Amino acid sequence: ELFVQHLALSSFNNGSGKDSNTLEYSDLAKTTEENETFHFLTDILPKKILARDYLKTLEQMQEEEEEEADL
C-alpha cells in the first residue's frame, strides 16, 4: 500500500494533475520512465501510443527483418 501511495503521490506532484486535482495514466507512465525507483514498472505502465503509430513501427521492424534475411 505504501509503495502504491508513493507512486501515486510522485506522479501527482510531478504530473499535470495538480491543476485539475486528478491523476492520469500519462502521469504514472511519465513517473515510471523518469524516476529510477519506479523504472522497473515501465513495461507495465508504458507510454500510450496510437494504434496507427504502433502498426507503422511494426511494419518498419518487419521490413528491416526482411532486409536482413535477404543479406
Protein backbone atom coordinates (compact mmCIF):
# COMPACT_ATOMS: atom_id res chain seq x y z
CA GLU A 1 0.00 0.00 0.00
CA LEU A 2 2.78 2.42 0.84
CA PHE A 3 4.51 1.72 -2.45
CA VAL A 4 1.36 2.45 -4.45
CA GLN A 5 0.79 5.58 -2.40
CA HIS A 6 4.36 6.73 -3.08
CA LEU A 7 3.94 6.09 -6.81
CA ALA A 8 0.64 7.95 -6.88
CA LEU A 9 1.94 10.94 -4.92
CA SER A 10 5.10 11.20 -7.00
CA SER A 11 3.07 11.00 -10.20
CA PHE A 12 0.55 13.54 -8.98
CA ASN A 13 3.18 16.02 -7.79
CA ASN A 14 5.25 15.76 -10.97
CA GLY A 15 2.39 15.41 -13.41
CA SER A 16 -0.27 17.55 -14.96
CA GLY A 17 -2.91 16.60 -12.41
CA LYS A 18 -2.11 19.28 -9.89
CA ASP A 19 -4.14 21.88 -11.75
CA SER A 20 -7.21 19.71 -12.20
CA ASN A 21 -6.70 17.69 -9.00
CA THR A 22 -6.58 14.42 -10.97
CA LEU A 23 -4.09 11.65 -11.57
CA GLU A 24 -3.88 10.42 -15.13
CA TYR A 25 -2.31 7.36 -16.69
CA SER A 26 0.15 9.56 -18.56
CA ASP A 27 1.39 10.95 -15.23
CA LEU A 28 2.05 7.43 -13.95
CA ALA A 29 3.79 6.41 -17.17
CA LYS A 30 5.98 9.52 -17.11
CA THR A 31 6.97 8.93 -13.50
CA THR A 32 7.94 5.31 -14.13
CA GLU A 33 10.04 6.35 -17.10
CA GLU A 34 11.83 9.25 -15.41
CA ASN A 35 12.21 8.03 -11.83
CA GLU A 36 14.86 5.39 -11.14
CA THR A 37 12.85 3.98 -8.23
CA PHE A 38 9.91 3.12 -10.49
CA HIS A 39 11.83 2.31 -13.66
CA PHE A 40 11.09 -1.41 -13.35
CA LEU A 41 7.42 -0.58 -14.00
CA THR A 42 7.99 0.82 -17.49
CA ASP A 43 6.86 -2.45 -19.07
CA ILE A 44 3.68 -2.41 -17.01
CA LEU A 45 2.94 1.31 -17.42
CA PRO A 46 4.27 2.20 -20.88
CA LYS A 47 3.52 5.48 -22.54
CA LYS A 48 0.39 5.27 -24.63
CA ILE A 49 0.77 5.33 -28.37
CA LEU A 50 -1.84 5.39 -31.09
CA ALA A 51 -2.61 2.12 -32.82
CA ARG A 52 -1.62 3.54 -36.20
CA ASP A 53 1.78 4.54 -34.81
CA TYR A 54 2.29 1.07 -33.37
CA LEU A 55 1.31 -0.59 -36.64
CA LYS A 56 3.66 1.69 -38.56
CA THR A 57 6.52 0.79 -36.22
CA LEU A 58 5.66 -2.89 -36.52
CA GLU A 59 5.73 -2.68 -40.32
CA GLN A 60 9.11 -0.96 -40.23
CA MET A 61 10.51 -3.66 -37.98
CA GLN A 62 9.21 -6.38 -40.31
CA GLU A 63 10.76 -4.64 -43.32
CA GLU A 64 14.10 -4.41 -41.53
CA GLU A 65 13.95 -8.11 -40.64
CA GLU A 66 13.18 -9.00 -44.26
CA GLU A 67 16.10 -6.89 -45.47
CA GLU A 68 18.44 -8.61 -43.01
CA ALA A 69 17.18 -12.02 -44.10
CA ASP A 70 17.89 -11.14 -47.74
CA LEU A 71 21.53 -10.39 -46.93
